[in-house]
C-alpha atoms as a PDB file:
ATOM      1  CA  MET A   1      10.638   9.316  16.550  1.00  0.00           C
ATOM      2  CA  LEU A   2       8.541  10.373  13.732  1.00  0.00           C
ATOM      3  CA  LYS A   3       6.784  13.485  13.061  1.00  0.00           C
ATOM      4  CA  SER A   4       3.162  13.908  14.465  1.00  0.00           C
ATOM      5  CA  TYR A   5       1.997  16.095  11.746  1.00  0.00           C
ATOM      6  CA  MET A   6       2.850  18.793   8.992  1.00  0.00           C
ATOM      7  CA  TYR A   7       0.540  21.191  10.261  1.00  0.00           C
ATOM      8  CA  SER A   8      -1.168  21.020  13.644  1.00  0.00           C
ATOM      9  CA  ASN A   9      -3.723  23.049  12.998  1.00  0.00           C
ATOM     10  CA  LEU A  10      -5.329  21.032  10.292  1.00  0.00           C
ATOM     11  CA  VAL A  11      -7.647  17.620  10.187  1.00  0.00           C
ATOM     12  CA  GLU A  12      -4.367  15.897   8.467  1.00  0.00           C
ATOM     13  CA  ALA A  13      -4.715  12.568   6.339  1.00  0.00           C
ATOM     14  CA  GLY A  14      -1.457  10.228   6.098  1.00  0.00           C
ATOM     15  CA  CYS A  15      -1.557   8.259   2.753  1.00  0.00           C
ATOM     16  CA  ASP A  16       0.640   5.652   1.004  1.00  0.00           C
ATOM     17  CA  GLU A  17       0.258   2.206  -1.002  1.00  0.00           C
ATOM     18  CA  ALA A  18       1.517  -1.128  -1.188  1.00  0.00           C
ATOM     19  CA  GLY A  19       2.263  -3.469  -3.627  1.00  0.00           C
ATOM     20  CA  ARG A  20       3.889  -1.099  -7.101  1.00  0.00           C
ATOM     21  CA  GLY A  21       6.368  -3.266  -7.737  1.00  0.00           C
ATOM     22  CA  CYS A  22       4.449  -7.151  -6.919  1.00  0.00           C
ATOM     23  CA  LEU A  23       4.644  -9.278 -10.935  1.00  0.00           C
ATOM     24  CA  ALA A  24       0.751 -10.067  -9.101  1.00  0.00           C
ATOM     25  CA  GLY A  25      -2.085  -9.325  -7.685  1.00  0.00           C
ATOM     26  CA  PRO A  26      -3.599  -5.523  -6.885  1.00  0.00           C
ATOM     27  CA  VAL A  27      -2.084  -2.470  -5.680  1.00  0.00           C
ATOM     28  CA  PHE A  28      -3.833  -1.295  -2.100  1.00  0.00           C
ATOM     29  CA  ALA A  29      -3.582   1.797  -0.770  1.00  0.00           C
ATOM     30  CA  ALA A  30      -4.596   3.353   3.042  1.00  0.00           C
ATOM     31  CA  ALA A  31      -5.324   6.680   4.488  1.00  0.00           C
ATOM     32  CA  VAL A  32      -5.088   7.715   8.376  1.00  0.00           C
ATOM     33  CA  ILE A  33      -6.163  10.484  10.133  1.00  0.00           C
ATOM     34  CA  LEU A  34      -4.362   9.936  13.411  1.00  0.00           C
ATOM     35  CA  PRO A  35      -5.350  12.120  16.798  1.00  0.00           C
ATOM     36  CA  ALA A  36      -3.460  15.143  18.338  1.00  0.00           C
ATOM     37  CA  GLY A  37      -0.935  13.689  20.555  1.00  0.00           C
ATOM     38  CA  PHE A  38      -0.691  10.020  19.400  1.00  0.00           C
ATOM     39  CA  SER A  39       2.348   8.727  19.581  1.00  0.00           C
ATOM     40  CA  HIS A  40       3.817   4.929  19.606  1.00  0.00           C
ATOM     41  CA  PRO A  41       7.348   3.948  19.621  1.00  0.00           C
ATOM     42  CA  LEU A  42       6.636   1.414  17.016  1.00  0.00           C
ATOM     43  CA  ILE A  43       5.142   3.258  14.418  1.00  0.00           C
ATOM     44  CA  ASN A  44       7.113   2.785  11.512  1.00  0.00           C
ATOM     45  CA  ASP A  45       7.785   2.630   7.867  1.00  0.00           C
ATOM     46  CA  SER A  46       6.244  -1.038   7.678  1.00  0.00           C
ATOM     47  CA  LYS A  47       9.064  -2.066   5.313  1.00  0.00           C
ATOM     48  CA  GLN A  48      11.219  -1.385   8.621  1.00  0.00           C
ATOM     49  CA  MET A  49       9.308  -3.854  10.449  1.00  0.00           C
ATOM     50  CA  SER A  50       8.898  -7.149  11.073  1.00  0.00           C
ATOM     51  CA  ALA A  51       5.307  -8.864  10.270  1.00  0.00           C
ATOM     52  CA  LYS A  52       4.721  -9.295  13.841  1.00  0.00           C
ATOM     53  CA  GLN A  53       4.847  -5.890  14.708  1.00  0.00           C
ATOM     54  CA  ARG A  54       3.175  -4.986  11.137  1.00  0.00           C
ATOM     55  CA  TYR A  55      -0.067  -7.296  12.483  1.00  0.00           C
ATOM     56  CA  TYR A  56       0.477  -5.501  16.133  1.00  0.00           C
ATOM     57  CA  MET A  57       0.474  -1.597  15.043  1.00  0.00           C
ATOM     58  CA  ARG A  58      -2.303  -2.095  12.443  1.00  0.00           C
ATOM     59  CA  GLU A  59      -5.043  -3.179  16.015  1.00  0.00           C
ATOM     60  CA  ILE A  60      -3.460  -0.520  17.470  1.00  0.00           C
ATOM     61  CA  ILE A  61      -3.994   1.953  14.324  1.00  0.00           C
ATOM     62  CA  LYS A  62      -7.783   0.590  14.040  1.00  0.00           C
ATOM     63  CA  ILE A  63      -8.633   1.629  17.519  1.00  0.00           C
ATOM     64  CA  HIS A  64      -7.259   4.630  18.053  1.00  0.00           C
ATOM     65  CA  ALA A  65      -7.266   6.094  14.509  1.00  0.00           C
ATOM     66  CA  VAL A  66      -9.671   9.284  13.833  1.00  0.00           C
ATOM     67  CA  SER A  67     -10.638   7.530  10.542  1.00  0.00           C
ATOM     68  CA  TYR A  68      -9.199   5.539   7.976  1.00  0.00           C
ATOM     69  CA  GLY A  69      -9.810   4.004   4.573  1.00  0.00           C
ATOM     70  CA  ILE A  70      -8.415   1.068   2.745  1.00  0.00           C
ATOM     71  CA  ALA A  71      -8.715   0.665  -0.798  1.00  0.00           C
ATOM     72  CA  MET A  72      -7.186  -1.293  -4.291  1.00  0.00           C
ATOM     73  CA  ALA A  73      -6.948  -1.060  -7.563  1.00  0.00           C
ATOM     74  CA  CYS A  74      -6.698  -4.199  -9.213  1.00  0.00           C
ATOM     75  CA  ASN A  75      -4.085  -5.669 -11.323  1.00  0.00           C
ATOM     76  CA  GLU A  76      -6.427  -5.313 -14.750  1.00  0.00           C
ATOM     77  CA  GLU A  77      -6.736  -1.322 -13.721  1.00  0.00           C
ATOM     78  CA  ILE A  78      -2.941  -1.516 -13.152  1.00  0.00           C
ATOM     79  CA  ASP A  79      -2.860  -2.448 -16.674  1.00  0.00           C
ATOM     80  CA  ASP A  80      -5.156  -0.554 -17.988  1.00  0.00           C
ATOM     81  CA  LEU A  81      -3.604   2.588 -16.334  1.00  0.00           C
ATOM     82  CA  ASN A  82      -0.496   1.647 -15.976  1.00  0.00           C
ATOM     83  CA  ILE A  83       1.472   1.543 -12.055  1.00  0.00           C
ATOM     84  CA  LEU A  84       1.427   4.729 -11.180  1.00  0.00           C
ATOM     85  CA  ASN A  85      -1.736   5.986 -12.113  1.00  0.00           C
ATOM     86  CA  ALA A  86      -3.667   2.814 -10.649  1.00  0.00           C
ATOM     87  CA  SER A  87      -1.857   3.875  -7.160  1.00  0.00           C
ATOM     88  CA  ILE A  88      -3.064   7.236  -7.022  1.00  0.00           C
ATOM     89  CA  LEU A  89      -6.489   5.831  -7.919  1.00  0.00           C
ATOM     90  CA  ALA A  90      -6.092   3.150  -4.863  1.00  0.00           C
ATOM     91  CA  MET A  91      -5.471   6.516  -2.640  1.00  0.00           C
ATOM     92  CA  HIS A  92      -7.878   8.286  -3.640  1.00  0.00           C
ATOM     93  CA  ARG A  93     -10.359   5.287  -3.299  1.00  0.00           C
ATOM     94  CA  ALA A  94      -8.786   4.999   0.110  1.00  0.00           C
ATOM     95  CA  LEU A  95      -9.544   8.503   0.762  1.00  0.00           C
ATOM     96  CA  ASP A  96     -13.540   8.295  -0.208  1.00  0.00           C
ATOM     97  CA  ASN A  97     -13.310   5.352   2.612  1.00  0.00           C
ATOM     98  CA  LEU A  98     -12.937   8.496   5.206  1.00  0.00           C
ATOM     99  CA  GLN A  99     -15.309   8.619   7.808  1.00  0.00           C
ATOM    100  CA  THR A 100     -13.635  12.454   8.266  1.00  0.00           C
ATOM    101  CA  ILE A 101     -12.572  14.754   5.229  1.00  0.00           C
ATOM    102  CA  PRO A 102      -9.519  15.669   6.047  1.00  0.00           C
ATOM    103  CA  GLU A 103      -8.076  19.248   5.873  1.00  0.00           C
ATOM    104  CA  HIS A 104      -4.610  18.506   4.664  1.00  0.00           C
ATOM    105  CA  ILE A 105      -3.325  15.561   2.898  1.00  0.00           C
ATOM    106  CA  ILE A 106       0.878  14.282   3.379  1.00  0.00           C
ATOM    107  CA  VAL A 107       1.238  11.498   0.394  1.00  0.00           C
ATOM    108  CA  ASP A 108       4.140   8.980   0.403  1.00  0.00           C
ATOM    109  CA  GLY A 109       6.567   9.713  -2.370  1.00  0.00           C
ATOM    110  CA  ASN A 110       6.602  12.476  -5.065  1.00  0.00           C
ATOM    111  CA  TYR A 111       3.750  12.250  -7.147  1.00  0.00           C
ATOM    112  CA  PHE A 112      -0.177  12.321  -6.390  1.00  0.00           C
ATOM    113  CA  ALA A 113      -3.473  13.829  -8.200  1.00  0.00           C
ATOM    114  CA  GLN A 114      -5.707  16.280  -6.702  1.00  0.00           C
ATOM    115  CA  TRP A 115      -8.407  15.028  -4.528  1.00  0.00           C
ATOM    116  CA  TYR A 116     -11.031  16.829  -4.709  1.00  0.00           C
ATOM    117  CA  SER A 117     -10.224  20.777  -3.716  1.00  0.00           C
ATOM    118  CA  VAL A 118      -8.316  19.344  -0.564  1.00  0.00           C
ATOM    119  CA  PRO A 119      -4.390  20.417  -0.444  1.00  0.00           C
ATOM    120  CA  PHE A 120      -1.312  17.646  -0.375  1.00  0.00           C
ATOM    121  CA  ARG A 121       2.402  17.291   0.049  1.00  0.00           C
ATOM    122  CA  THR A 122       4.177  14.535  -1.520  1.00  0.00           C
ATOM    123  CA  ILE A 123       7.193  13.588   0.715  1.00  0.00           C
ATOM    124  CA  ILE A 124       9.905  11.642  -0.452  1.00  0.00           C
ATOM    125  CA  LYS A 125      10.312   8.594   2.433  1.00  0.00           C
ATOM    126  CA  GLY A 126       7.124  10.472   4.014  1.00  0.00           C
ATOM    127  CA  ASP A 127       6.555   6.862   5.893  1.00  0.00           C
ATOM    128  CA  SER A 128      10.135   7.301   7.535  1.00  0.00           C
ATOM    129  CA  LYS A 129       9.245  11.131   9.067  1.00  0.00           C
ATOM    130  CA  TYR A 130       5.641  10.985   9.296  1.00  0.00           C
ATOM    131  CA  GLN A 131       3.483   8.889  11.772  1.00  0.00           C
ATOM    132  CA  SER A 132       0.413   9.058   9.616  1.00  0.00           C
ATOM    133  CA  ILE A 133       2.336   7.992   6.861  1.00  0.00           C
ATOM    134  CA  ALA A 134       3.843   5.148   8.486  1.00  0.00           C
ATOM    135  CA  ALA A 135       0.275   3.931   9.310  1.00  0.00           C
ATOM    136  CA  ALA A 136      -1.020   4.135   6.080  1.00  0.00           C
ATOM    137  CA  SER A 137       2.246   1.893   4.823  1.00  0.00           C
ATOM    138  CA  ILE A 138       1.265  -0.707   7.897  1.00  0.00           C
ATOM    139  CA  LEU A 139      -2.540  -0.585   6.834  1.00  0.00           C
ATOM    140  CA  ALA A 140      -1.247  -0.877   3.299  1.00  0.00           C
ATOM    141  CA  LYS A 141       0.648  -3.466   3.427  1.00  0.00           C
ATOM    142  CA  THR A 142      -1.242  -5.912   5.901  1.00  0.00           C
ATOM    143  CA  TYR A 143      -4.115  -5.631   4.079  1.00  0.00           C
ATOM    144  CA  ARG A 144      -2.785  -6.079   0.948  1.00  0.00           C
ATOM    145  CA  ASP A 145      -0.783  -9.558   2.383  1.00  0.00           C
ATOM    146  CA  ASP A 146      -3.894 -10.821   3.585  1.00  0.00           C
ATOM    147  CA  TYR A 147      -4.985 -10.231   0.333  1.00  0.00           C
ATOM    148  CA  MET A 148      -2.388 -12.516  -1.482  1.00  0.00           C
ATOM    149  CA  ASN A 149      -2.765 -14.755   1.450  1.00  0.00           C
ATOM    150  CA  ARG A 150      -6.126 -15.545   0.609  1.00  0.00           C
ATOM    151  CA  LEU A 151      -5.230 -15.803  -3.200  1.00  0.00           C
ATOM    152  CA  HIS A 152      -2.593 -18.537  -2.654  1.00  0.00           C
ATOM    153  CA  ILE A 153      -5.251 -20.905  -1.052  1.00  0.00           C
ATOM    154  CA  ASP A 154      -6.126 -21.202  -4.533  1.00  0.00           C
ATOM    155  CA  TYR A 155      -2.915 -20.660  -6.470  1.00  0.00           C
ATOM    156  CA  PRO A 156      -0.459 -22.000  -4.291  1.00  0.00           C
ATOM    157  CA  GLN A 157       2.049 -22.930  -7.543  1.00  0.00           C
ATOM    158  CA  TYR A 158       3.494 -19.229  -7.300  1.00  0.00           C
ATOM    159  CA  ASP A 159       4.073 -19.381  -3.568  1.00  0.00           C
ATOM    160  CA  TRP A 160       2.183 -15.878  -2.953  1.00  0.00           C
ATOM    161  CA  GLU A 161       2.103 -16.578   0.227  1.00  0.00           C
ATOM    162  CA  GLN A 162       5.673 -16.273   0.937  1.00  0.00           C
ATOM    163  CA  ASN A 163       6.593 -13.606  -2.039  1.00  0.00           C
ATOM    164  CA  LYS A 164       3.254 -11.964  -1.661  1.00  0.00           C
ATOM    165  CA  GLY A 165       3.633 -11.534  -5.643  1.00  0.00           C
ATOM    166  CA  TYR A 166       6.737  -9.678  -5.858  1.00  0.00           C
ATOM    167  CA  PRO A 167       9.710 -11.079  -8.369  1.00  0.00           C
ATOM    168  CA  THR A 168      11.607 -14.311  -6.509  1.00  0.00           C
ATOM    169  CA  ARG A 169      13.249 -16.633  -8.612  1.00  0.00           C
ATOM    170  CA  LYS A 170      10.810 -19.118  -7.159  1.00  0.00           C
ATOM    171  CA  HIS A 171       7.782 -16.735  -8.069  1.00  0.00           C
ATOM    172  CA  ARG A 172       9.444 -16.152 -11.802  1.00  0.00           C
ATOM    173  CA  GLU A 173      10.629 -20.251 -11.891  1.00  0.00           C
ATOM    174  CA  ALA A 174       6.579 -21.182 -11.369  1.00  0.00           C
ATOM    175  CA  ILE A 175       5.312 -18.428 -14.101  1.00  0.00           C
ATOM    176  CA  PHE A 176       7.543 -19.895 -16.481  1.00  0.00           C
ATOM    177  CA  LYS A 177       6.580 -23.670 -15.494  1.00  0.00           C
ATOM    178  CA  PHE A 178       2.606 -22.643 -15.318  1.00  0.00           C
ATOM    179  CA  GLY A 179       2.391 -19.422 -16.877  1.00  0.00           C
ATOM    180  CA  ALA A 180       0.590 -16.163 -16.123  1.00  0.00           C
ATOM    181  CA  SER A 181      -2.562 -16.652 -13.782  1.00  0.00           C
ATOM    182  CA  THR A 182      -5.665 -14.172 -14.162  1.00  0.00           C
ATOM    183  CA  PHE A 183      -3.867 -12.328 -11.390  1.00  0.00           C
ATOM    184  CA  HIS A 184      -0.463 -11.271 -13.100  1.00  0.00           C
ATOM    185  CA  ARG A 185       0.108  -8.149 -14.351  1.00  0.00           C
ATOM    186  CA  LYS A 186       0.233  -8.683 -18.221  1.00  0.00           C
ATOM    187  CA  THR A 187       2.047  -4.929 -18.780  1.00  0.00           C
ATOM    188  CA  PHE A 188       4.779  -5.862 -16.395  1.00  0.00           C
ATOM    189  CA  THR A 189       7.780  -8.610 -17.399  1.00  0.00           C
ATOM    190  CA  LEU A 190       6.608 -11.167 -16.148  1.00  0.00           C
ATOM    191  CA  LEU A 191      10.013 -13.368 -16.982  1.00  0.00           C
ATOM    192  CA  PRO A 192      13.560 -11.784 -18.562  1.00  0.00           C
ATOM    193  CA  SER A 193      13.863 -12.119 -22.239  1.00  0.00           C
ATOM    194  CA  SER A 194      16.384 -14.888 -21.833  1.00  0.00           C
ATOM    195  CA  CYS A 195      13.595 -17.197 -20.014  1.00  0.00           C
ATOM    196  CA  LYS A 196      10.368 -16.580 -22.648  1.00  0.00           C
ATOM    197  CA  ALA A 197       9.894 -18.927 -25.181  1.00  0.00           C
END
């Protein structure tokens, strides 16, 4: 069972992102403040859940959360800032979208940058340890998947509906055949060096 919070006496927000390892599209982030006593047996690191479970839990989280915020940093920002800084920017934007100001922030991973004066703690594999971070991972993942599904309509050759922008063989074969789209991250290695002309 995941822990409910790090500090029970503070309004605590969990933060996570989705899409750092993709070749195309934005990185999404979410921030979630859950109510005291919230618990659900399905809530977990989004990577350990099926798509059906993630979308089911998204609605549960949205209904029960004290507040939640979702945001993104686009592929151009990723290329300008690098993926780490763009991920932090997306998390800051997600925190900005909260209707309730947190007193403490817990973040999945090992790096974050100060958001105003609110204290924070980074936690390796935090999305498998704390419910609010897991909830954020679910929102970030599902909203990013929705975004990539919409892009797929105009760019079906890249198979984004299936790979969501991750570097699958079919995705890279499409980049080799059709070239990069305006949504690809130009600073990423889109093709292995052996495939480049």
